Amino acid sequence: MQVFDEVKEIPRAQRIISALWIAFFNAAVATAVFFALIDPMELEPCIPHFPQASRIGAYTIGFLLFWLLTAATSLFTITFLYPGKRS
């Protein structure tokens, strides 16, 4: 008896959107924690051409990087949970 035979297949679009939505919330929390501990202007010596950016720009770039990272991990998890169909 296999338990997974009774599981209904979730549409691909719904899986992707749910992964991106969860990644959005995780990125928001990660950005808040990261920038609560580190001032973006302290990163100026580490990044070339950083003086041209503002704090808001650093927050935006940080959020997008955290969102990309958490979205990638969520999408990899979904990919491994729902492998391709066998022929």
N, C-alpha and C. Protein backbone atom coordinates (compact mmCIF):
# COMPACT_ATOMS: atom_id res chain seq x y z
N MET A 1 0.84 -1.18 0.00
CA MET A 1 0.00 0.00 0.00
C MET A 1 0.89 1.25 0.00
N GLN A 2 0.67 2.10 -0.97
CA GLN A 2 1.42 3.35 -1.04
C GLN A 2 0.51 4.51 -0.66
N VAL A 3 0.99 5.32 0.23
CA VAL A 3 0.21 6.45 0.69
C VAL A 3 0.14 7.54 -0.37
N PHE A 4 1.20 7.68 -1.16
CA PHE A 4 1.28 8.77 -2.12
C PHE A 4 0.40 8.58 -3.35
N ASP A 5 -0.18 7.42 -3.53
CA ASP A 5 -1.07 7.20 -4.67
C ASP A 5 -2.33 8.04 -4.57
N GLU A 6 -2.73 8.38 -3.35
CA GLU A 6 -3.98 9.10 -3.13
C GLU A 6 -3.79 10.62 -3.13
N VAL A 7 -2.57 11.10 -3.21
CA VAL A 7 -2.30 12.54 -3.17
C VAL A 7 -2.65 13.16 -4.52
N LYS A 8 -3.43 14.24 -4.47
CA LYS A 8 -3.82 14.94 -5.69
C LYS A 8 -2.66 15.82 -6.16
N GLU A 9 -2.41 15.85 -7.44
CA GLU A 9 -1.33 16.65 -8.03
C GLU A 9 -1.69 18.13 -7.95
N ILE A 10 -0.78 18.93 -7.46
CA ILE A 10 -0.97 20.38 -7.38
C ILE A 10 -0.45 20.99 -8.68
N PRO A 11 -1.20 21.92 -9.29
CA PRO A 11 -0.75 22.52 -10.55
C PRO A 11 0.61 23.22 -10.39
N ARG A 12 1.39 23.18 -11.45
CA ARG A 12 2.75 23.74 -11.43
C ARG A 12 2.74 25.23 -11.09
N ALA A 13 1.81 25.99 -11.67
CA ALA A 13 1.75 27.43 -11.41
C ALA A 13 1.49 27.70 -9.93
N GLN A 14 0.61 26.92 -9.33
CA GLN A 14 0.31 27.10 -7.91
C GLN A 14 1.53 26.77 -7.04
N ARG A 15 2.29 25.76 -7.41
CA ARG A 15 3.50 25.42 -6.66
C ARG A 15 4.53 26.54 -6.75
N ILE A 16 4.72 27.09 -7.94
CA ILE A 16 5.71 28.15 -8.13
C ILE A 16 5.31 29.42 -7.38
N ILE A 17 4.04 29.80 -7.50
CA ILE A 17 3.58 31.01 -6.82
C ILE A 17 3.66 30.85 -5.32
N SER A 18 3.31 29.69 -4.80
CA SER A 18 3.40 29.49 -3.35
C SER A 18 4.85 29.54 -2.88
N ALA A 19 5.78 29.03 -3.67
CA ALA A 19 7.20 29.10 -3.31
C ALA A 19 7.69 30.54 -3.32
N LEU A 20 7.29 31.31 -4.32
CA LEU A 20 7.71 32.71 -4.38
C LEU A 20 7.09 33.55 -3.28
N TRP A 21 5.86 33.23 -2.90
CA TRP A 21 5.18 33.97 -1.83
C TRP A 21 5.85 33.71 -0.48
N ILE A 22 6.16 32.47 -0.20
CA ILE A 22 6.86 32.13 1.05
C ILE A 22 8.26 32.74 1.04
N ALA A 23 8.93 32.71 -0.11
CA ALA A 23 10.26 33.30 -0.22
C ALA A 23 10.21 34.81 0.01
N PHE A 24 9.13 35.46 -0.41
CA PHE A 24 8.96 36.90 -0.19
C PHE A 24 8.94 37.21 1.30
N PHE A 25 8.17 36.45 2.06
CA PHE A 25 8.11 36.68 3.51
C PHE A 25 9.45 36.38 4.18
N ASN A 26 10.10 35.31 3.76
CA ASN A 26 11.41 34.98 4.33
C ASN A 26 12.42 36.07 4.01
N ALA A 27 12.39 36.60 2.81
CA ALA A 27 13.31 37.67 2.43
C ALA A 27 13.04 38.94 3.23
N ALA A 28 11.78 39.23 3.49
CA ALA A 28 11.45 40.40 4.30
C ALA A 28 12.02 40.28 5.71
N VAL A 29 11.86 39.11 6.31
CA VAL A 29 12.40 38.90 7.66
C VAL A 29 13.93 38.93 7.64
N ALA A 30 14.54 38.27 6.67
CA ALA A 30 16.00 38.24 6.58
C ALA A 30 16.56 39.64 6.36
N THR A 31 15.90 40.44 5.54
CA THR A 31 16.35 41.81 5.29
C THR A 31 16.25 42.65 6.55
N ALA A 32 15.13 42.51 7.26
CA ALA A 32 14.95 43.27 8.50
C ALA A 32 16.02 42.91 9.53
N VAL A 33 16.27 41.63 9.70
CA VAL A 33 17.27 41.20 10.68
C VAL A 33 18.67 41.63 10.25
N PHE A 34 19.00 41.42 8.99
CA PHE A 34 20.34 41.75 8.50
C PHE A 34 20.63 43.24 8.65
N PHE A 35 19.71 44.08 8.20
CA PHE A 35 19.97 45.52 8.23
C PHE A 35 19.69 46.13 9.60
N ALA A 36 19.07 45.39 10.51
CA ALA A 36 18.99 45.85 11.90
C ALA A 36 20.35 45.70 12.57
N LEU A 37 21.13 44.73 12.12
CA LEU A 37 22.45 44.48 12.70
C LEU A 37 23.57 45.20 11.97
N ILE A 38 23.41 45.44 10.67
CA ILE A 38 24.48 46.00 9.85
C ILE A 38 23.95 47.23 9.11
N ASP A 39 24.65 48.33 9.25
CA ASP A 39 24.33 49.54 8.51
C ASP A 39 24.86 49.40 7.09
N PRO A 40 24.04 49.66 6.07
CA PRO A 40 24.52 49.50 4.69
C PRO A 40 25.74 50.37 4.38
N MET A 41 25.87 51.50 5.04
CA MET A 41 27.00 52.38 4.77
C MET A 41 28.31 51.81 5.32
N GLU A 42 28.23 50.84 6.23
CA GLU A 42 29.44 50.17 6.72
C GLU A 42 30.02 49.22 5.67
N LEU A 43 29.21 48.86 4.69
CA LEU A 43 29.67 47.96 3.63
C LEU A 43 30.39 48.72 2.51
N GLU A 44 30.45 50.03 2.62
CA GLU A 44 31.04 50.86 1.57
C GLU A 44 32.47 50.46 1.18
N PRO A 45 33.38 50.17 2.12
CA PRO A 45 34.73 49.79 1.71
C PRO A 45 34.81 48.43 1.00
N CYS A 46 33.82 47.59 1.20
CA CYS A 46 33.85 46.24 0.63
C CYS A 46 33.35 46.18 -0.81
N ILE A 47 32.56 47.17 -1.21
CA ILE A 47 31.90 47.11 -2.51
C ILE A 47 32.35 48.30 -3.36
N PRO A 48 32.91 48.04 -4.54
CA PRO A 48 33.31 49.16 -5.40
C PRO A 48 32.09 49.93 -5.91
N HIS A 49 32.24 51.21 -6.07
CA HIS A 49 31.19 52.11 -6.59
C HIS A 49 30.00 52.20 -5.65
N PHE A 50 30.17 51.83 -4.40
CA PHE A 50 29.05 51.87 -3.46
C PHE A 50 28.66 53.29 -3.05
N PRO A 51 29.57 54.27 -3.00
CA PRO A 51 29.16 55.60 -2.57
C PRO A 51 28.07 56.21 -3.44
N GLN A 52 27.89 55.71 -4.64
CA GLN A 52 26.85 56.23 -5.51
C GLN A 52 25.47 55.72 -5.11
N ALA A 53 25.42 54.68 -4.29
CA ALA A 53 24.14 54.10 -3.89
C ALA A 53 23.68 54.74 -2.58
N SER A 54 22.38 54.72 -2.37
CA SER A 54 21.81 55.23 -1.13
C SER A 54 21.48 54.06 -0.21
N ARG A 55 21.03 54.39 0.99
CA ARG A 55 20.61 53.34 1.92
C ARG A 55 19.41 52.57 1.34
N ILE A 56 18.48 53.30 0.77
CA ILE A 56 17.30 52.65 0.19
C ILE A 56 17.72 51.71 -0.94
N GLY A 57 18.67 52.12 -1.74
CA GLY A 57 19.18 51.24 -2.79
C GLY A 57 19.81 49.99 -2.23
N ALA A 58 20.56 50.14 -1.14
CA ALA A 58 21.18 48.97 -0.50
C ALA A 58 20.12 48.05 0.08
N TYR A 59 19.08 48.63 0.69
CA TYR A 59 17.99 47.81 1.23
C TYR A 59 17.29 47.05 0.11
N THR A 60 17.08 47.72 -1.01
CA THR A 60 16.41 47.08 -2.15
C THR A 60 17.24 45.94 -2.72
N ILE A 61 18.52 46.20 -2.93
CA ILE A 61 19.40 45.15 -3.45
C ILE A 61 19.49 43.99 -2.48
N GLY A 62 19.60 44.30 -1.19
CA GLY A 62 19.65 43.24 -0.17
C GLY A 62 18.39 42.41 -0.17
N PHE A 63 17.22 43.08 -0.24
CA PHE A 63 15.96 42.35 -0.26
C PHE A 63 15.88 41.45 -1.49
N LEU A 64 16.25 41.97 -2.65
CA LEU A 64 16.17 41.16 -3.87
C LEU A 64 17.12 39.97 -3.82
N LEU A 65 18.30 40.16 -3.24
CA LEU A 65 19.24 39.04 -3.12
C LEU A 65 18.71 37.99 -2.14
N PHE A 66 18.15 38.43 -1.02
CA PHE A 66 17.56 37.47 -0.08
C PHE A 66 16.37 36.76 -0.72
N TRP A 67 15.56 37.50 -1.50
CA TRP A 67 14.41 36.87 -2.15
C TRP A 67 14.87 35.85 -3.18
N LEU A 68 15.90 36.17 -3.94
CA LEU A 68 16.43 35.23 -4.93
C LEU A 68 16.95 33.97 -4.25
N LEU A 69 17.67 34.14 -3.15
CA LEU A 69 18.22 33.00 -2.43
C LEU A 69 17.11 32.11 -1.86
N THR A 70 16.13 32.71 -1.19
CA THR A 70 15.07 31.90 -0.59
C THR A 70 14.14 31.31 -1.66
N ALA A 71 13.93 32.03 -2.76
CA ALA A 71 13.11 31.48 -3.85
C ALA A 71 13.80 30.28 -4.48
N ALA A 72 15.10 30.37 -4.67
CA ALA A 72 15.83 29.25 -5.26
C ALA A 72 15.74 28.01 -4.38
N THR A 73 15.90 28.19 -3.07
CA THR A 73 15.82 27.02 -2.19
C THR A 73 14.41 26.45 -2.17
N SER A 74 13.39 27.31 -2.19
CA SER A 74 12.01 26.81 -2.22
C SER A 74 11.71 26.08 -3.51
N LEU A 75 12.16 26.63 -4.63
CA LEU A 75 11.88 25.98 -5.92
C LEU A 75 12.64 24.67 -6.07
N PHE A 76 13.86 24.60 -5.53
CA PHE A 76 14.58 23.32 -5.54
C PHE A 76 13.85 22.28 -4.71
N THR A 77 13.32 22.69 -3.57
CA THR A 77 12.56 21.76 -2.73
C THR A 77 11.34 21.24 -3.47
N ILE A 78 10.61 22.13 -4.12
CA ILE A 78 9.42 21.70 -4.87
C ILE A 78 9.81 20.78 -6.02
N THR A 79 10.92 21.08 -6.67
CA THR A 79 11.39 20.22 -7.77
C THR A 79 11.67 18.81 -7.28
N PHE A 80 12.27 18.70 -6.11
CA PHE A 80 12.58 17.37 -5.57
C PHE A 80 11.35 16.68 -5.01
N LEU A 81 10.35 17.43 -4.56
CA LEU A 81 9.12 16.81 -4.06
C LEU A 81 8.25 16.28 -5.19
N TYR A 82 8.26 16.97 -6.33
CA TYR A 82 7.43 16.58 -7.47
C TYR A 82 8.34 16.28 -8.66
N PRO A 83 8.98 15.14 -8.68
CA PRO A 83 9.84 14.82 -9.83
C PRO A 83 9.01 14.62 -11.09
N GLY A 84 9.68 14.60 -12.23
CA GLY A 84 9.00 14.40 -13.50
C GLY A 84 8.28 13.06 -13.55
N LYS A 85 7.24 13.00 -14.36
CA LYS A 85 6.46 11.77 -14.47
C LYS A 85 7.24 10.73 -15.27
N ARG A 86 7.12 9.51 -14.84
CA ARG A 86 7.77 8.40 -15.55
C ARG A 86 6.91 7.97 -16.72
N SER A 87 7.54 7.53 -17.79
CA SER A 87 6.75 7.11 -18.95
C SER A 87 6.47 5.64 -18.92
